[in-house]
Amino acid sequence: MTTLNKTDISITEVVYDLMMVNVNRASLLKNCITYVIRNQANKLIRKGNFSGYHVQLRMTHLEDGKYEFDMFIEDKLYLNIPFEKRTLDKGQLLFN
């Protein structure tokens, strides 16, 4: 398999409650994608897997801060994307 880049799989890079994961390469849909979320101290926070074009991951349990989202296909690390978790202020609305 060739090396992936940020356009093959994209995530929400500033997360409040939900992280959206979008798989933009059809050839990846035959694979189960395993993900690992680590904090800045490189501590494992969450691990799981998914398949499909669009996936939502709930992140309300994470403390505010910077994290790394690693994606593995066939047990090989193919993509690492940093993201930031922020708490939504009371009364704050998000508009896309």
PDB file of N, CA and C in Angstrom:
ATOM      1  N   MET A   1       0.844  -1.174   0.000  1.00  0.00           N
ATOM      2  CA  MET A   1       0.000   0.000   0.000  1.00  0.00           C
ATOM      3  C   MET A   1       0.888   1.235   0.000  1.00  0.00           C
ATOM      4  N   THR A   2       0.489   2.242  -0.729  1.00  0.00           N
ATOM      5  CA  THR A   2       1.263   3.467  -0.784  1.00  0.00           C
ATOM      6  C   THR A   2       1.026   4.297   0.474  1.00  0.00           C
ATOM      7  N   THR A   3       1.930   5.223   0.733  1.00  0.00           N
ATOM      8  CA  THR A   3       1.801   6.103   1.880  1.00  0.00           C
ATOM      9  C   THR A   3       0.626   7.046   1.679  1.00  0.00           C
ATOM     10  N   LEU A   4      -0.116   7.234   2.734  1.00  0.00           N
ATOM     11  CA  LEU A   4      -1.261   8.140   2.677  1.00  0.00           C
ATOM     12  C   LEU A   4      -0.807   9.558   2.965  1.00  0.00           C
ATOM     13  N   ASN A   5      -1.656  10.497   2.618  1.00  0.00           N
ATOM     14  CA  ASN A   5      -1.401  11.873   3.006  1.00  0.00           C
ATOM     15  C   ASN A   5      -2.672  12.448   3.590  1.00  0.00           C
ATOM     16  N   LYS A   6      -2.620  13.704   4.019  1.00  0.00           N
ATOM     17  CA  LYS A   6      -3.756  14.314   4.707  1.00  0.00           C
ATOM     18  C   LYS A   6      -5.017  14.391   3.869  1.00  0.00           C
ATOM     19  N   THR A   7      -4.915  14.293   2.568  1.00  0.00           N
ATOM     20  CA  THR A   7      -6.130  14.349   1.752  1.00  0.00           C
ATOM     21  C   THR A   7      -6.827  13.002   1.659  1.00  0.00           C
ATOM     22  N   ASP A   8      -6.133  11.914   1.991  1.00  0.00           N
ATOM     23  CA  ASP A   8      -6.740  10.579   1.938  1.00  0.00           C
ATOM     24  C   ASP A   8      -7.696  10.338   3.097  1.00  0.00           C
ATOM     25  N   ILE A   9      -7.341  10.821   4.265  1.00  0.00           N
ATOM     26  CA  ILE A   9      -8.194  10.757   5.453  1.00  0.00           C
ATOM     27  C   ILE A   9      -8.085  12.109   6.133  1.00  0.00           C
ATOM     28  N   SER A  10      -9.211  12.707   6.447  1.00  0.00           N
ATOM     29  CA  SER A  10      -9.180  13.997   7.130  1.00  0.00           C
ATOM     30  C   SER A  10      -9.979  13.917   8.422  1.00  0.00           C
ATOM     31  N   ILE A  11      -9.566  14.725   9.386  1.00  0.00           N
ATOM     32  CA  ILE A  11     -10.265  14.787  10.664  1.00  0.00           C
ATOM     33  C   ILE A  11     -10.549  16.242  11.009  1.00  0.00           C
ATOM     34  N   THR A  12     -11.435  16.425  11.977  1.00  0.00           N
ATOM     35  CA  THR A  12     -11.673  17.741  12.541  1.00  0.00           C
ATOM     36  C   THR A  12     -10.450  18.080  13.380  1.00  0.00           C
ATOM     37  N   GLU A  13      -9.737  19.144  13.052  1.00  0.00           N
ATOM     38  CA  GLU A  13      -8.488  19.444  13.747  1.00  0.00           C
ATOM     39  C   GLU A  13      -8.662  20.301  14.990  1.00  0.00           C
ATOM     40  N   VAL A  14      -9.820  20.929  15.149  1.00  0.00           N
ATOM     41  CA  VAL A  14     -10.205  21.562  16.412  1.00  0.00           C
ATOM     42  C   VAL A  14     -11.516  20.914  16.822  1.00  0.00           C
ATOM     43  N   VAL A  15     -11.479  20.167  17.922  1.00  0.00           N
ATOM     44  CA  VAL A  15     -12.599  19.336  18.341  1.00  0.00           C
ATOM     45  C   VAL A  15     -13.236  19.925  19.596  1.00  0.00           C
ATOM     46  N   TYR A  16     -14.562  19.990  19.592  1.00  0.00           N
ATOM     47  CA  TYR A  16     -15.303  20.390  20.787  1.00  0.00           C
ATOM     48  C   TYR A  16     -15.955  19.157  21.408  1.00  0.00           C
ATOM     49  N   ASP A  17     -16.931  18.578  20.772  1.00  0.00           N
ATOM     50  CA  ASP A  17     -17.587  17.371  21.278  1.00  0.00           C
ATOM     51  C   ASP A  17     -17.352  16.167  20.379  1.00  0.00           C
ATOM     52  N   LEU A  18     -17.454  16.367  19.070  1.00  0.00           N
ATOM     53  CA  LEU A  18     -17.317  15.270  18.114  1.00  0.00           C
ATOM     54  C   LEU A  18     -16.165  15.508  17.157  1.00  0.00           C
ATOM     55  N   MET A  19     -15.415  14.464  16.905  1.00  0.00           N
ATOM     56  CA  MET A  19     -14.408  14.501  15.849  1.00  0.00           C
ATOM     57  C   MET A  19     -15.017  13.811  14.634  1.00  0.00           C
ATOM     58  N   MET A  20     -14.950  14.468  13.510  1.00  0.00           N
ATOM     59  CA  MET A  20     -15.407  13.881  12.260  1.00  0.00           C
ATOM     60  C   MET A  20     -14.201  13.310  11.529  1.00  0.00           C
ATOM     61  N   VAL A  21     -14.304  12.064  11.111  1.00  0.00           N
ATOM     62  CA  VAL A  21     -13.249  11.416  10.336  1.00  0.00           C
ATOM     63  C   VAL A  21     -13.832  11.121   8.959  1.00  0.00           C
ATOM     64  N   ASN A  22     -13.180  11.598   7.924  1.00  0.00           N
ATOM     65  CA  ASN A  22     -13.640  11.386   6.550  1.00  0.00           C
ATOM     66  C   ASN A  22     -12.584  10.623   5.774  1.00  0.00           C
ATOM     67  N   VAL A  23     -12.978   9.503   5.210  1.00  0.00           N
ATOM     68  CA  VAL A  23     -12.082   8.705   4.366  1.00  0.00           C
ATOM     69  C   VAL A  23     -12.357   9.131   2.929  1.00  0.00           C
ATOM     70  N   ASN A  24     -11.345   9.692   2.292  1.00  0.00           N
ATOM     71  CA  ASN A  24     -11.505  10.283   0.963  1.00  0.00           C
ATOM     72  C   ASN A  24     -10.922   9.424  -0.154  1.00  0.00           C
ATOM     73  N   ARG A  25     -10.473   8.230   0.168  1.00  0.00           N
ATOM     74  CA  ARG A  25      -9.918   7.320  -0.837  1.00  0.00           C
ATOM     75  C   ARG A  25     -10.705   6.012  -0.790  1.00  0.00           C
ATOM     76  N   ALA A  26     -11.401   5.718  -1.862  1.00  0.00           N
ATOM     77  CA  ALA A  26     -12.279   4.546  -1.900  1.00  0.00           C
ATOM     78  C   ALA A  26     -11.526   3.242  -1.637  1.00  0.00           C
ATOM     79  N   SER A  27     -10.282   3.144  -2.049  1.00  0.00           N
ATOM     80  CA  SER A  27      -9.527   1.903  -1.857  1.00  0.00           C
ATOM     81  C   SER A  27      -9.298   1.585  -0.382  1.00  0.00           C
ATOM     82  N   LEU A  28      -9.444   2.573   0.503  1.00  0.00           N
ATOM     83  CA  LEU A  28      -9.255   2.331   1.936  1.00  0.00           C
ATOM     84  C   LEU A  28     -10.475   1.698   2.593  1.00  0.00           C
ATOM     85  N   LEU A  29     -11.600   1.705   1.908  1.00  0.00           N
ATOM     86  CA  LEU A  29     -12.827   1.205   2.516  1.00  0.00           C
ATOM     87  C   LEU A  29     -12.825  -0.298   2.726  1.00  0.00           C
ATOM     88  N   LYS A  30     -11.960  -1.014   2.014  1.00  0.00           N
ATOM     89  CA  LYS A  30     -11.889  -2.461   2.212  1.00  0.00           C
ATOM     90  C   LYS A  30     -11.124  -2.811   3.488  1.00  0.00           C
ATOM     91  N   ASN A  31     -10.459  -1.834   4.077  1.00  0.00           N
ATOM     92  CA  ASN A  31      -9.648  -2.058   5.268  1.00  0.00           C
ATOM     93  C   ASN A  31     -10.365  -1.565   6.520  1.00  0.00           C
ATOM     94  N   CYS A  32     -10.076  -2.201   7.614  1.00  0.00           N
ATOM     95  CA  CYS A  32     -10.473  -1.686   8.913  1.00  0.00           C
ATOM     96  C   CYS A  32      -9.342  -0.754   9.354  1.00  0.00           C
ATOM     97  N   ILE A  33      -9.681   0.458   9.688  1.00  0.00           N
ATOM     98  CA  ILE A  33      -8.674   1.434  10.095  1.00  0.00           C
ATOM     99  C   ILE A  33      -8.651   1.476  11.619  1.00  0.00           C
ATOM    100  N   THR A  34      -7.483   1.233  12.188  1.00  0.00           N
ATOM    101  CA  THR A  34      -7.297   1.310  13.626  1.00  0.00           C
ATOM    102  C   THR A  34      -6.742   2.689  13.947  1.00  0.00           C
ATOM    103  N   TYR A  35      -7.236   3.278  15.023  1.00  0.00           N
ATOM    104  CA  TYR A  35      -6.733   4.591  15.421  1.00  0.00           C
ATOM    105  C   TYR A  35      -6.274   4.568  16.869  1.00  0.00           C
ATOM    106  N   VAL A  36      -5.332   5.457  17.160  1.00  0.00           N
ATOM    107  CA  VAL A  36      -4.819   5.641  18.506  1.00  0.00           C
ATOM    108  C   VAL A  36      -4.776   7.137  18.757  1.00  0.00           C
ATOM    109  N   ILE A  37      -5.260   7.554  19.912  1.00  0.00           N
ATOM    110  CA  ILE A  37      -5.170   8.953  20.316  1.00  0.00           C
ATOM    111  C   ILE A  37      -4.201   9.031  21.490  1.00  0.00           C
ATOM    112  N   ARG A  38      -3.201   9.905  21.354  1.00  0.00           N
ATOM    113  CA  ARG A  38      -2.193  10.102  22.397  1.00  0.00           C
ATOM    114  C   ARG A  38      -2.168  11.574  22.800  1.00  0.00           C
ATOM    115  N   ASN A  39      -1.845  11.832  24.070  1.00  0.00           N
ATOM    116  CA  ASN A  39      -1.702  13.210  24.507  1.00  0.00           C
ATOM    117  C   ASN A  39      -0.271  13.692  24.272  1.00  0.00           C
ATOM    118  N   GLN A  40       0.034  14.919  24.709  1.00  0.00           N
ATOM    119  CA  GLN A  40       1.367  15.478  24.450  1.00  0.00           C
ATOM    120  C   GLN A  40       2.472  14.726  25.186  1.00  0.00           C
ATOM    121  N   ALA A  41       2.129  14.021  26.246  1.00  0.00           N
ATOM    122  CA  ALA A  41       3.110  13.210  26.979  1.00  0.00           C
ATOM    123  C   ALA A  41       3.250  11.823  26.356  1.00  0.00           C
ATOM    124  N   ASN A  42       2.637  11.615  25.201  1.00  0.00           N
ATOM    125  CA  ASN A  42       2.666  10.361  24.455  1.00  0.00           C
ATOM    126  C   ASN A  42       1.920   9.231  25.173  1.00  0.00           C
ATOM    127  N   LYS A  43       1.029   9.580  26.091  1.00  0.00           N
ATOM    128  CA  LYS A  43       0.225   8.599  26.812  1.00  0.00           C
ATOM    129  C   LYS A  43      -0.969   8.201  25.956  1.00  0.00           C
ATOM    130  N   LEU A  44      -1.226   6.894  25.877  1.00  0.00           N
ATOM    131  CA  LEU A  44      -2.377   6.377  25.145  1.00  0.00           C
ATOM    132  C   LEU A  44      -3.655   6.811  25.855  1.00  0.00           C
ATOM    133  N   ILE A  45      -4.528   7.500  25.121  1.00  0.00           N
ATOM    134  CA  ILE A  45      -5.787   7.986  25.664  1.00  0.00           C
ATOM    135  C   ILE A  45      -6.956   7.125  25.187  1.00  0.00           C
ATOM    136  N   ARG A  46      -6.898   6.724  23.934  1.00  0.00           N
ATOM    137  CA  ARG A  46      -8.007   5.969  23.352  1.00  0.00           C
ATOM    138  C   ARG A  46      -7.503   5.170  22.160  1.00  0.00           C
ATOM    139  N   LYS A  47      -8.099   3.996  21.966  1.00  0.00           N
ATOM    140  CA  LYS A  47      -7.758   3.150  20.822  1.00  0.00           C
ATOM    141  C   LYS A  47      -9.037   2.505  20.327  1.00  0.00           C
ATOM    142  N   GLY A  48      -9.156   2.381  19.012  1.00  0.00           N
ATOM    143  CA  GLY A  48     -10.336   1.745  18.447  1.00  0.00           C
ATOM    144  C   GLY A  48     -10.142   1.498  16.970  1.00  0.00           C
ATOM    145  N   ASN A  49     -11.214   1.139  16.285  1.00  0.00           N
ATOM    146  CA  ASN A  49     -11.143   0.954  14.841  1.00  0.00           C
ATOM    147  C   ASN A  49     -12.476   1.320  14.225  1.00  0.00           C
ATOM    148  N   PHE A  50     -12.436   1.551  12.923  1.00  0.00           N
ATOM    149  CA  PHE A  50     -13.636   1.923  12.190  1.00  0.00           C
ATOM    150  C   PHE A  50     -13.477   1.561  10.736  1.00  0.00           C
ATOM    151  N   SER A  51     -14.588   1.585  10.024  1.00  0.00           N
ATOM    152  CA  SER A  51     -14.578   1.453   8.573  1.00  0.00           C
ATOM    153  C   SER A  51     -15.723   2.319   8.054  1.00  0.00           C
ATOM    154  N   GLY A  52     -15.602   2.750   6.836  1.00  0.00           N
ATOM    155  CA  GLY A  52     -16.636   3.592   6.243  1.00  0.00           C
ATOM    156  C   GLY A  52     -16.089   4.942   5.841  1.00  0.00           C
ATOM    157  N   TYR A  53     -16.919   5.675   5.090  1.00  0.00           N
ATOM    158  CA  TYR A  53     -16.517   6.993   4.592  1.00  0.00           C
ATOM    159  C   TYR A  53     -16.509   8.066   5.673  1.00  0.00           C
ATOM    160  N   HIS A  54     -17.534   8.072   6.529  1.00  0.00           N
ATOM    161  CA  HIS A  54     -17.697   9.126   7.518  1.00  0.00           C
ATOM    162  C   HIS A  54     -17.940   8.511   8.893  1.00  0.00           C
ATOM    163  N   VAL A  55     -17.113   8.921   9.854  1.00  0.00           N
ATOM    164  CA  VAL A  55     -17.206   8.387  11.205  1.00  0.00           C
ATOM    165  C   VAL A  55     -17.184   9.559  12.183  1.00  0.00           C
ATOM    166  N   GLN A  56     -17.994   9.471  13.233  1.00  0.00           N
ATOM    167  CA  GLN A  56     -17.993  10.460  14.303  1.00  0.00           C
ATOM    168  C   GLN A  56     -17.454   9.801  15.561  1.00  0.00           C
ATOM    169  N   LEU A  57     -16.501  10.457  16.207  1.00  0.00           N
ATOM    170  CA  LEU A  57     -15.954   9.961  17.464  1.00  0.00           C
ATOM    171  C   LEU A  57     -16.238  10.994  18.548  1.00  0.00           C
ATOM    172  N   ARG A  58     -16.881  10.586  19.613  1.00  0.00           N
ATOM    173  CA  ARG A  58     -17.192  11.505  20.714  1.00  0.00           C
ATOM    174  C   ARG A  58     -15.923  11.772  21.526  1.00  0.00           C
ATOM    175  N   MET A  59     -15.636  13.058  21.759  1.00  0.00           N
ATOM    176  CA  MET A  59     -14.416  13.454  22.453  1.00  0.00           C
ATOM    177  C   MET A  59     -14.687  14.292  23.700  1.00  0.00           C
ATOM    178  N   THR A  60     -15.908  14.276  24.205  1.00  0.00           N
ATOM    179  CA  THR A  60     -16.235  15.104  25.362  1.00  0.00           C
ATOM    180  C   THR A  60     -15.440  14.709  26.608  1.00  0.00           C
ATOM    181  N   HIS A  61     -14.980  13.472  26.677  1.00  0.00           N
ATOM    182  CA  HIS A  61     -14.233  12.994  27.839  1.00  0.00           C
ATOM    183  C   HIS A  61     -12.796  13.510  27.890  1.00  0.00           C
ATOM    184  N   LEU A  62     -12.288  14.036  26.782  1.00  0.00           N
ATOM    185  CA  LEU A  62     -10.903  14.515  26.755  1.00  0.00           C
ATOM    186  C   LEU A  62     -10.782  15.876  27.422  1.00  0.00           C
ATOM    187  N   GLU A  63      -9.671  16.070  28.118  1.00  0.00           N
ATOM    188  CA  GLU A  63      -9.361  17.384  28.661  1.00  0.00           C
ATOM    189  C   GLU A  63      -8.925  18.293  27.519  1.00  0.00           C
ATOM    190  N   ASP A  64      -9.068  19.593  27.700  1.00  0.00           N
ATOM    191  CA  ASP A  64      -8.586  20.532  26.693  1.00  0.00           C
ATOM    192  C   ASP A  64      -7.085  20.357  26.520  1.00  0.00           C
ATOM    193  N   GLY A  65      -6.636  20.431  25.275  1.00  0.00           N
ATOM    194  CA  GLY A  65      -5.208  20.303  25.007  1.00  0.00           C
ATOM    195  C   GLY A  65      -4.949  19.800  23.603  1.00  0.00           C
ATOM    196  N   LYS A  66      -3.686  19.509  23.350  1.00  0.00           N
ATOM    197  CA  LYS A  66      -3.251  19.042  22.036  1.00  0.00           C
ATOM    198  C   LYS A  66      -3.020  17.535  22.093  1.00  0.00           C
ATOM    199  N   TYR A  67      -3.420  16.866  21.000  1.00  0.00           N
ATOM    200  CA  TYR A  67      -3.351  15.417  20.912  1.00  0.00           C
ATOM    201  C   TYR A  67      -2.839  15.008  19.537  1.00  0.00           C
ATOM    202  N   GLU A  68      -2.498  13.736  19.415  1.00  0.00           N
ATOM    203  CA  GLU A  68      -2.097  13.139  18.148  1.00  0.00           C
ATOM    204  C   GLU A  68      -3.091  12.022  17.807  1.00  0.00           C
ATOM    205  N   PHE A  69      -3.495  11.984  16.548  1.00  0.00           N
ATOM    206  CA  PHE A  69      -4.424  10.961  16.048  1.00  0.00           C
ATOM    207  C   PHE A  69      -3.647  10.118  15.048  1.00  0.00           C
ATOM    208  N   ASP A  70      -3.267   8.898  15.443  1.00  0.00           N
ATOM    209  CA  ASP A  70      -2.520   7.987  14.576  1.00  0.00           C
ATOM    210  C   ASP A  70      -3.479   6.995  13.946  1.00  0.00           C
ATOM    211  N   MET A  71      -3.309   6.745  12.650  1.00  0.00           N
ATOM    212  CA  MET A  71      -4.145   5.775  11.951  1.00  0.00           C
ATOM    213  C   MET A  71      -3.270   4.661  11.386  1.00  0.00           C
ATOM    214  N   PHE A  72      -3.715   3.443  11.603  1.00  0.00           N
ATOM    215  CA  PHE A  72      -2.987   2.254  11.173  1.00  0.00           C
ATOM    216  C   PHE A  72      -3.849   1.468  10.200  1.00  0.00           C
ATOM    217  N   ILE A  73      -3.225   0.977   9.153  1.00  0.00           N
ATOM    218  CA  ILE A  73      -3.883   0.082   8.213  1.00  0.00           C
ATOM    219  C   ILE A  73      -2.986  -1.139   8.084  1.00  0.00           C
ATOM    220  N   GLU A  74      -3.585  -2.297   8.313  1.00  0.00           N
ATOM    221  CA  GLU A  74      -2.835  -3.556   8.314  1.00  0.00           C
ATOM    222  C   GLU A  74      -1.646  -3.480   9.275  1.00  0.00           C
ATOM    223  N   ASP A  75      -1.897  -2.928  10.468  1.00  0.00           N
ATOM    224  CA  ASP A  75      -0.912  -2.806  11.557  1.00  0.00           C
ATOM    225  C   ASP A  75       0.283  -1.922  11.227  1.00  0.00           C
ATOM    226  N   LYS A  76       0.205  -1.095  10.204  1.00  0.00           N
ATOM    227  CA  LYS A  76       1.282  -0.170   9.862  1.00  0.00           C
ATOM    228  C   LYS A  76       0.772   1.255  10.023  1.00  0.00           C
ATOM    229  N   LEU A  77       1.598   2.090  10.655  1.00  0.00           N
ATOM    230  CA  LEU A  77       1.235   3.494  10.817  1.00  0.00           C
ATOM    231  C   LEU A  77       1.299   4.178   9.458  1.00  0.00           C
ATOM    232  N   TYR A  78       0.172   4.735   9.028  1.00  0.00           N
ATOM    233  CA  TYR A  78       0.126   5.404   7.742  1.00  0.00           C
ATOM    234  C   TYR A  78      -0.114   6.892   7.829  1.00  0.00           C
ATOM    235  N   LEU A  79      -0.663   7.349   8.922  1.00  0.00           N
ATOM    236  CA  LEU A  79      -0.977   8.765   8.996  1.00  0.00           C
ATOM    237  C   LEU A  79      -1.035   9.211  10.448  1.00  0.00           C
ATOM    238  N   ASN A  80      -0.485  10.389  10.697  1.00  0.00           N
ATOM    239  CA  ASN A  80      -0.525  11.005  12.014  1.00  0.00           C
ATOM    240  C   ASN A  80      -1.000  12.437  11.820  1.00  0.00           C
ATOM    241  N   ILE A  81      -2.072  12.803  12.516  1.00  0.00           N
ATOM    242  CA  ILE A  81      -2.600  14.159  12.401  1.00  0.00           C
ATOM    243  C   ILE A  81      -2.770  14.729  13.804  1.00  0.00           C
ATOM    244  N   PRO A  82      -2.167  15.880  14.074  1.00  0.00           N
ATOM    245  CA  PRO A  82      -2.391  16.518  15.373  1.00  0.00           C
ATOM    246  C   PRO A  82      -3.771  17.176  15.401  1.00  0.00           C
ATOM    247  N   PHE A  83      -4.361  17.243  16.594  1.00  0.00           N
ATOM    248  CA  PHE A  83      -5.618  17.970  16.755  1.00  0.00           C
ATOM    249  C   PHE A  83      -5.656  18.588  18.141  1.00  0.00           C
ATOM    250  N   GLU A  84      -6.564  19.518  18.301  1.00  0.00           N
ATOM    251  CA  GLU A  84      -6.721  20.203  19.578  1.00  0.00           C
ATOM    252  C   GLU A  84      -8.134  20.009  20.091  1.00  0.00           C
ATOM    253  N   LYS A  85      -8.262  19.689  21.376  1.00  0.00           N
ATOM    254  CA  LYS A  85      -9.563  19.558  22.030  1.00  0.00           C
ATOM    255  C   LYS A  85      -9.822  20.833  22.808  1.00  0.00           C
ATOM    256  N   ARG A  86     -10.991  21.421  22.603  1.00  0.00           N
ATOM    257  CA  ARG A  86     -11.409  22.620  23.327  1.00  0.00           C
ATOM    258  C   ARG A  86     -12.799  22.387  23.913  1.00  0.00           C
ATOM    259  N   THR A  87     -13.035  22.992  25.066  1.00  0.00           N
ATOM    260  CA  THR A  87     -14.355  22.934  25.676  1.00  0.00           C
ATOM    261  C   THR A  87     -15.203  24.040  25.082  1.00  0.00           C
ATOM    262  N   LEU A  88     -16.414  23.692  24.732  1.00  0.00           N
ATOM    263  CA  LEU A  88     -17.357  24.666  24.208  1.00  0.00           C
ATOM    264  C   LEU A  88     -17.883  25.485  25.385  1.00  0.00           C
ATOM    265  N   ASP A  89     -17.683  26.809  25.325  1.00  0.00           N
ATOM    266  CA  ASP A  89     -18.158  27.680  26.389  1.00  0.00           C
ATOM    267  C   ASP A  89     -19.677  27.670  26.452  1.00  0.00           C
ATOM    268  N   LYS A  90     -20.210  27.775  27.649  1.00  0.00           N
ATOM    269  CA  LYS A  90     -21.657  27.793  27.827  1.00  0.00           C
ATOM    270  C   LYS A  90     -22.247  28.950  27.034  1.00  0.00           C
ATOM    271  N   GLY A  91     -23.233  28.662  26.238  1.00  0.00           N
ATOM    272  CA  GLY A  91     -23.878  29.681  25.414  1.00  0.00           C
ATOM    273  C   GLY A  91     -23.203  29.921  24.076  1.00  0.00           C
ATOM    274  N   GLN A  92     -22.026  29.310  23.856  1.00  0.00           N
ATOM    275  CA  GLN A  92     -21.315  29.483  22.583  1.00  0.00           C
ATOM    276  C   GLN A  92     -21.926  28.585  21.525  1.00  0.00           C
ATOM    277  N   LEU A  93     -22.145  29.140  20.347  1.00  0.00           N
ATOM    278  CA  LEU A  93     -22.686  28.360  19.236  1.00  0.00           C
ATOM    279  C   LEU A  93     -21.625  28.185  18.168  1.00  0.00           C
ATOM    280  N   LEU A  94     -21.638  27.036  17.534  1.00  0.00           N
ATOM    281  CA  LEU A  94     -20.711  26.767  16.438  1.00  0.00           C
ATOM    282  C   LEU A  94     -21.446  26.849  15.114  1.00  0.00           C
ATOM    283  N   PHE A  95     -20.842  27.521  14.167  1.00  0.00           N
ATOM    284  CA  PHE A  95     -21.391  27.585  12.823  1.00  0.00           C
ATOM    285  C   PHE A  95     -20.306  27.189  11.859  1.00  0.00           C
ATOM    286  N   ASN A  96     -20.641  26.327  10.910  1.00  0.00           N
ATOM    287  CA  ASN A  96     -19.668  25.900   9.887  1.00  0.00           C
ATOM    288  C   ASN A  96     -19.676  26.844   8.740  1.00  0.00           C
TER     289      ASN A  96
END
